[in-house]
Each structure stands twice: as C-alpha cells, then as structure tokens.
Amino acid sequence: MIKMICLLKRKDGMSHEEFMRHWRSVHGPLAVGIASIRRYVQSSIREEQSRPDIPDIAADIDGIAELWFDDQEAMTASQYDPAMQRLLADGATFIGEIKTLIVDETEIVPSVAAK
C-alpha cells in the first residue's frame, strides 16, 4: 500500500463552511467511482495545538485528504482514469492551495478493528 496525504486550503473569497460543504457533499462522492483508490478519508481541522518547546510550522489549512492505493504504479495509473480526472478538475474549483505528500505508513498502535 502507498498513501497520499493532501493538505488543502480553500480558494480566496470562499468561507471555511462553503469549502467543507463542497468537499464533503460534491467532491467526496466523486472519489467513490475511482477503482484504484482503496481508501479515502477527509479530515477537517477542529483546532490547532502548540507546544512551548517546539516552534509551529506555518500551515493555514482547511482540511487533510488521505488516499490509499495498492502501490506506486496504481497511484500513477489512476491519473489517466476519467473518474480521477473528474475528481482533480472538481478540486480545482474550490481548492486554492495544496501540498501533496506521498508517504510510507508505519503502524505503531493498531486500530481497534485490527486487535
């Protein structure tokens, strides 16, 4: 499995509520039709926490998207899937800035379902 994490910021002039409404009710359902996506999670920002001993990273974001694929090849091939192209085109209508990271995930504490 390979995981993509996207830090998302809304377009200028759009409220956080408008961003969330579109992301949840329009954008999210578009991902359902993409065969290569194994899992897709949308995380909205509830609050920020700081530590006094470590400086904050400047990151003004509205949400975090996590997508899992079988492997790098499946993730790369998905870019040519018409359903993925619709998802990406829709993203351009409400996402003002994005930072995409491809990560290797190491589970330290297993999920409750895995226990």
N, C-alpha and C. Protein backbone atom coordinates (compact mmCIF):
# COMPACT_ATOMS: atom_id res chain seq x y z
N MET A 1 0.84 -1.19 0.00
CA MET A 1 0.00 0.00 0.00
C MET A 1 0.88 1.24 0.00
N ILE A 2 0.38 2.26 -0.66
CA ILE A 2 1.03 3.57 -0.66
C ILE A 2 -0.04 4.60 -0.32
N LYS A 3 0.37 5.63 0.39
CA LYS A 3 -0.59 6.63 0.87
C LYS A 3 -0.21 8.01 0.38
N MET A 4 -1.23 8.77 0.00
CA MET A 4 -1.08 10.16 -0.40
C MET A 4 -1.81 11.02 0.64
N ILE A 5 -1.12 12.03 1.13
CA ILE A 5 -1.72 12.98 2.07
C ILE A 5 -1.72 14.35 1.40
N CYS A 6 -2.88 15.00 1.37
CA CYS A 6 -3.01 16.32 0.75
C CYS A 6 -3.49 17.32 1.80
N LEU A 7 -2.69 18.37 1.99
CA LEU A 7 -3.07 19.47 2.87
C LEU A 7 -3.77 20.50 2.00
N LEU A 8 -4.99 20.85 2.35
CA LEU A 8 -5.83 21.67 1.48
C LEU A 8 -6.18 23.02 2.12
N LYS A 9 -6.14 24.04 1.29
CA LYS A 9 -6.57 25.39 1.70
C LYS A 9 -7.61 25.86 0.69
N ARG A 10 -8.66 26.44 1.17
CA ARG A 10 -9.76 26.89 0.31
C ARG A 10 -9.33 28.05 -0.58
N LYS A 11 -10.09 28.25 -1.66
CA LYS A 11 -9.84 29.39 -2.55
C LYS A 11 -10.15 30.69 -1.82
N ASP A 12 -9.43 31.75 -2.20
CA ASP A 12 -9.70 33.08 -1.66
C ASP A 12 -11.15 33.45 -1.93
N GLY A 13 -11.78 34.07 -0.96
CA GLY A 13 -13.17 34.50 -1.11
C GLY A 13 -14.18 33.43 -0.72
N MET A 14 -13.73 32.23 -0.44
CA MET A 14 -14.62 31.14 -0.05
C MET A 14 -14.52 30.98 1.47
N SER A 15 -15.65 30.82 2.13
CA SER A 15 -15.63 30.60 3.57
C SER A 15 -15.25 29.15 3.87
N HIS A 16 -14.81 28.92 5.08
CA HIS A 16 -14.48 27.55 5.50
C HIS A 16 -15.70 26.65 5.38
N GLU A 17 -16.87 27.18 5.74
CA GLU A 17 -18.11 26.41 5.67
C GLU A 17 -18.45 26.03 4.22
N GLU A 18 -18.28 26.97 3.29
CA GLU A 18 -18.52 26.67 1.87
C GLU A 18 -17.54 25.61 1.37
N PHE A 19 -16.28 25.74 1.77
CA PHE A 19 -15.26 24.75 1.39
C PHE A 19 -15.67 23.37 1.89
N MET A 20 -16.01 23.28 3.17
CA MET A 20 -16.37 21.99 3.76
C MET A 20 -17.60 21.40 3.10
N ARG A 21 -18.60 22.21 2.84
CA ARG A 21 -19.83 21.71 2.21
C ARG A 21 -19.53 21.10 0.85
N HIS A 22 -18.74 21.80 0.04
CA HIS A 22 -18.40 21.29 -1.30
C HIS A 22 -17.53 20.04 -1.20
N TRP A 23 -16.52 20.10 -0.32
CA TRP A 23 -15.59 18.97 -0.16
C TRP A 23 -16.32 17.70 0.25
N ARG A 24 -17.25 17.83 1.20
CA ARG A 24 -17.98 16.66 1.71
C ARG A 24 -19.07 16.17 0.76
N SER A 25 -19.89 17.09 0.25
CA SER A 25 -21.08 16.66 -0.48
C SER A 25 -20.90 16.55 -1.99
N VAL A 26 -19.91 17.23 -2.57
CA VAL A 26 -19.69 17.16 -4.02
C VAL A 26 -18.40 16.40 -4.34
N HIS A 27 -17.30 16.84 -3.77
CA HIS A 27 -16.00 16.27 -4.10
C HIS A 27 -15.85 14.83 -3.60
N GLY A 28 -16.16 14.61 -2.34
CA GLY A 28 -16.01 13.28 -1.75
C GLY A 28 -16.70 12.17 -2.53
N PRO A 29 -17.98 12.35 -2.88
CA PRO A 29 -18.65 11.30 -3.64
C PRO A 29 -18.02 10.99 -5.00
N LEU A 30 -17.30 11.95 -5.60
CA LEU A 30 -16.62 11.68 -6.86
C LEU A 30 -15.52 10.62 -6.71
N ALA A 31 -14.94 10.53 -5.52
CA ALA A 31 -13.86 9.55 -5.28
C ALA A 31 -14.38 8.12 -5.23
N VAL A 32 -15.65 7.97 -4.93
CA VAL A 32 -16.23 6.63 -4.81
C VAL A 32 -16.11 5.84 -6.12
N GLY A 33 -16.16 6.49 -7.26
CA GLY A 33 -16.11 5.80 -8.54
C GLY A 33 -14.72 5.50 -9.06
N ILE A 34 -13.69 5.75 -8.27
CA ILE A 34 -12.31 5.55 -8.74
C ILE A 34 -11.82 4.19 -8.23
N ALA A 35 -11.69 3.25 -9.16
CA ALA A 35 -11.38 1.86 -8.79
C ALA A 35 -10.05 1.70 -8.08
N SER A 36 -9.05 2.52 -8.39
CA SER A 36 -7.71 2.34 -7.82
C SER A 36 -7.58 2.87 -6.39
N ILE A 37 -8.53 3.67 -5.93
CA ILE A 37 -8.47 4.19 -4.57
C ILE A 37 -8.98 3.10 -3.63
N ARG A 38 -8.14 2.68 -2.70
CA ARG A 38 -8.50 1.63 -1.73
C ARG A 38 -9.17 2.21 -0.49
N ARG A 39 -8.82 3.45 -0.16
CA ARG A 39 -9.42 4.12 0.99
C ARG A 39 -9.26 5.62 0.79
N TYR A 40 -10.26 6.37 1.24
CA TYR A 40 -10.22 7.83 1.13
C TYR A 40 -10.83 8.40 2.40
N VAL A 41 -10.08 9.26 3.09
CA VAL A 41 -10.54 9.87 4.34
C VAL A 41 -10.38 11.37 4.23
N GLN A 42 -11.43 12.10 4.63
CA GLN A 42 -11.38 13.56 4.72
C GLN A 42 -11.33 13.94 6.19
N SER A 43 -10.34 14.73 6.57
CA SER A 43 -10.23 15.19 7.96
C SER A 43 -10.34 16.71 7.98
N SER A 44 -11.33 17.21 8.71
CA SER A 44 -11.46 18.67 8.85
C SER A 44 -10.71 19.11 10.10
N ILE A 45 -10.24 20.34 10.09
CA ILE A 45 -9.45 20.89 11.19
C ILE A 45 -10.40 21.40 12.27
N ARG A 46 -10.32 20.83 13.46
CA ARG A 46 -11.14 21.26 14.60
C ARG A 46 -10.46 22.38 15.36
N GLU A 47 -9.17 22.22 15.60
CA GLU A 47 -8.40 23.22 16.34
C GLU A 47 -6.93 22.93 16.13
N GLU A 48 -6.11 23.88 16.53
CA GLU A 48 -4.66 23.71 16.46
C GLU A 48 -4.11 23.68 17.88
N GLN A 49 -3.08 22.89 18.06
CA GLN A 49 -2.39 22.85 19.35
C GLN A 49 -0.92 23.19 19.12
N SER A 50 -0.33 23.84 20.09
CA SER A 50 1.08 24.20 20.02
C SER A 50 1.82 23.60 21.20
N ARG A 51 3.12 23.46 21.01
CA ARG A 51 3.99 23.03 22.10
C ARG A 51 4.95 24.16 22.41
N PRO A 52 5.18 24.44 23.66
CA PRO A 52 6.09 25.54 24.00
C PRO A 52 7.55 25.24 23.66
N ASP A 53 7.90 23.97 23.53
CA ASP A 53 9.30 23.60 23.31
C ASP A 53 9.66 23.37 21.84
N ILE A 54 8.66 23.42 20.93
CA ILE A 54 8.91 23.21 19.50
C ILE A 54 8.12 24.26 18.71
N PRO A 55 8.78 25.02 17.84
CA PRO A 55 8.06 26.04 17.05
C PRO A 55 7.05 25.40 16.10
N ASP A 56 5.96 26.12 15.86
CA ASP A 56 4.93 25.67 14.91
C ASP A 56 5.42 25.80 13.47
N ILE A 57 4.92 24.94 12.61
CA ILE A 57 5.08 25.08 11.16
C ILE A 57 3.94 25.98 10.69
N ALA A 58 4.23 26.97 9.91
CA ALA A 58 3.18 27.84 9.38
C ALA A 58 2.36 27.05 8.36
N ALA A 59 1.13 26.74 8.71
CA ALA A 59 0.26 25.97 7.82
C ALA A 59 -1.18 26.39 8.05
N ASP A 60 -1.70 27.16 7.13
CA ASP A 60 -3.07 27.63 7.20
C ASP A 60 -3.89 26.73 6.28
N ILE A 61 -4.44 25.64 6.84
CA ILE A 61 -5.16 24.67 6.01
C ILE A 61 -6.58 24.47 6.51
N ASP A 62 -7.46 24.04 5.60
CA ASP A 62 -8.86 23.78 5.93
C ASP A 62 -9.16 22.30 6.09
N GLY A 63 -8.33 21.45 5.50
CA GLY A 63 -8.60 20.02 5.60
C GLY A 63 -7.42 19.19 5.13
N ILE A 64 -7.49 17.91 5.46
CA ILE A 64 -6.47 16.96 5.06
C ILE A 64 -7.17 15.78 4.40
N ALA A 65 -6.74 15.45 3.19
CA ALA A 65 -7.27 14.29 2.48
C ALA A 65 -6.22 13.19 2.50
N GLU A 66 -6.65 11.97 2.76
CA GLU A 66 -5.75 10.82 2.75
C GLU A 66 -6.31 9.80 1.76
N LEU A 67 -5.46 9.36 0.84
CA LEU A 67 -5.86 8.37 -0.16
C LEU A 67 -4.86 7.23 -0.17
N TRP A 68 -5.36 6.01 -0.18
CA TRP A 68 -4.52 4.82 -0.23
C TRP A 68 -4.68 4.13 -1.58
N PHE A 69 -3.56 3.65 -2.11
CA PHE A 69 -3.51 2.90 -3.38
C PHE A 69 -2.73 1.62 -3.14
N ASP A 70 -2.92 0.62 -4.00
CA ASP A 70 -2.19 -0.64 -3.85
C ASP A 70 -0.68 -0.43 -3.90
N ASP A 71 -0.21 0.41 -4.83
CA ASP A 71 1.22 0.63 -5.00
C ASP A 71 1.43 1.89 -5.85
N GLN A 72 2.69 2.23 -6.06
CA GLN A 72 3.04 3.43 -6.84
C GLN A 72 2.46 3.36 -8.25
N GLU A 73 2.52 2.18 -8.86
CA GLU A 73 2.02 2.02 -10.22
C GLU A 73 0.52 2.30 -10.30
N ALA A 74 -0.23 1.80 -9.33
CA ALA A 74 -1.68 2.04 -9.31
C ALA A 74 -1.99 3.52 -9.11
N MET A 75 -1.20 4.17 -8.23
CA MET A 75 -1.41 5.60 -8.00
C MET A 75 -1.11 6.40 -9.27
N THR A 76 -0.02 6.07 -9.94
CA THR A 76 0.36 6.77 -11.17
C THR A 76 -0.68 6.52 -12.26
N ALA A 77 -1.09 5.29 -12.44
CA ALA A 77 -2.07 4.93 -13.48
C ALA A 77 -3.42 5.60 -13.24
N SER A 78 -3.75 5.86 -11.96
CA SER A 78 -5.05 6.46 -11.65
C SER A 78 -5.21 7.83 -12.29
N GLN A 79 -4.10 8.52 -12.57
CA GLN A 79 -4.16 9.86 -13.16
C GLN A 79 -4.81 9.85 -14.54
N TYR A 80 -4.84 8.66 -15.19
CA TYR A 80 -5.41 8.53 -16.53
C TYR A 80 -6.85 8.04 -16.50
N ASP A 81 -7.35 7.72 -15.32
CA ASP A 81 -8.72 7.26 -15.14
C ASP A 81 -9.65 8.48 -15.29
N PRO A 82 -10.65 8.40 -16.17
CA PRO A 82 -11.57 9.54 -16.33
C PRO A 82 -12.24 9.96 -15.02
N ALA A 83 -12.51 9.01 -14.15
CA ALA A 83 -13.12 9.35 -12.86
C ALA A 83 -12.15 10.17 -12.01
N MET A 84 -10.87 9.83 -12.03
CA MET A 84 -9.86 10.61 -11.29
C MET A 84 -9.70 11.99 -11.92
N GLN A 85 -9.76 12.07 -13.22
CA GLN A 85 -9.66 13.37 -13.89
C GLN A 85 -10.82 14.28 -13.49
N ARG A 86 -12.03 13.70 -13.31
CA ARG A 86 -13.18 14.49 -12.84
C ARG A 86 -12.94 14.97 -11.40
N LEU A 87 -12.38 14.10 -10.57
CA LEU A 87 -12.09 14.47 -9.19
C LEU A 87 -11.08 15.62 -9.14
N LEU A 88 -10.01 15.52 -9.94
CA LEU A 88 -8.99 16.56 -9.97
C LEU A 88 -9.55 17.87 -10.52
N ALA A 89 -10.38 17.79 -11.56
CA ALA A 89 -10.99 19.00 -12.13
C ALA A 89 -11.90 19.68 -11.10
N ASP A 90 -12.65 18.88 -10.35
CA ASP A 90 -13.51 19.46 -9.33
C ASP A 90 -12.67 20.12 -8.23
N GLY A 91 -11.56 19.49 -7.86
CA GLY A 91 -10.69 20.07 -6.83
C GLY A 91 -10.23 21.47 -7.20
N ALA A 92 -9.97 21.68 -8.47
CA ALA A 92 -9.51 23.00 -8.93
C ALA A 92 -10.59 24.07 -8.78
N THR A 93 -11.85 23.69 -8.57
CA THR A 93 -12.92 24.67 -8.43
C THR A 93 -13.04 25.25 -7.02
N PHE A 94 -12.48 24.55 -6.01
CA PHE A 94 -12.64 25.04 -4.64
C PHE A 94 -11.36 25.00 -3.80
N ILE A 95 -10.31 24.32 -4.28
CA ILE A 95 -9.05 24.28 -3.55
C ILE A 95 -8.15 25.40 -4.06
N GLY A 96 -7.74 26.27 -3.15
CA GLY A 96 -6.88 27.39 -3.52
C GLY A 96 -5.41 27.05 -3.51
N GLU A 97 -5.01 26.22 -2.55
CA GLU A 97 -3.62 25.77 -2.43
C GLU A 97 -3.62 24.34 -1.92
N ILE A 98 -2.59 23.59 -2.33
CA ILE A 98 -2.49 22.19 -1.92
C ILE A 98 -1.02 21.81 -1.74
N LYS A 99 -0.78 20.95 -0.78
CA LYS A 99 0.54 20.35 -0.59
C LYS A 99 0.29 18.85 -0.55
N THR A 100 0.85 18.11 -1.52
CA THR A 100 0.63 16.68 -1.62
C THR A 100 1.91 15.94 -1.24
N LEU A 101 1.75 14.99 -0.34
CA LEU A 101 2.88 14.19 0.14
C LEU A 101 2.57 12.71 -0.10
N ILE A 102 3.55 11.98 -0.63
CA ILE A 102 3.43 10.54 -0.78
C ILE A 102 4.24 9.95 0.37
N VAL A 103 3.62 9.13 1.19
CA VAL A 103 4.27 8.67 2.41
C VAL A 103 4.25 7.15 2.52
N ASP A 104 5.20 6.64 3.29
CA ASP A 104 5.19 5.25 3.72
C ASP A 104 4.61 5.25 5.13
N GLU A 105 3.59 4.46 5.34
CA GLU A 105 2.90 4.43 6.62
C GLU A 105 3.43 3.27 7.46
N THR A 106 3.78 3.55 8.71
CA THR A 106 4.22 2.54 9.65
C THR A 106 3.25 2.55 10.83
N GLU A 107 2.50 1.48 11.00
CA GLU A 107 1.53 1.42 12.08
C GLU A 107 2.25 1.07 13.38
N ILE A 108 2.09 1.90 14.39
CA ILE A 108 2.71 1.68 15.69
C ILE A 108 1.69 1.10 16.67
N VAL A 109 0.54 1.70 16.73
CA VAL A 109 -0.56 1.20 17.55
C VAL A 109 -1.67 0.78 16.59
N PRO A 110 -2.00 -0.49 16.53
CA PRO A 110 -3.01 -0.94 15.56
C PRO A 110 -4.39 -0.39 15.87
N SER A 111 -5.21 -0.26 14.83
CA SER A 111 -6.58 0.21 15.02
C SER A 111 -7.34 -0.82 15.84
N VAL A 112 -8.43 -0.38 16.44
CA VAL A 112 -9.25 -1.26 17.27
C VAL A 112 -9.72 -2.47 16.46
N ALA A 113 -10.08 -2.25 15.20
CA ALA A 113 -10.56 -3.34 14.35
C ALA A 113 -9.50 -4.41 14.13
N ALA A 114 -8.22 -4.02 14.19
CA ALA A 114 -7.12 -4.97 13.94
C ALA A 114 -6.76 -5.78 15.18
N LYS A 115 -7.25 -5.37 16.34
CA LYS A 115 -6.88 -6.07 17.60
C LYS A 115 -7.65 -7.35 17.78
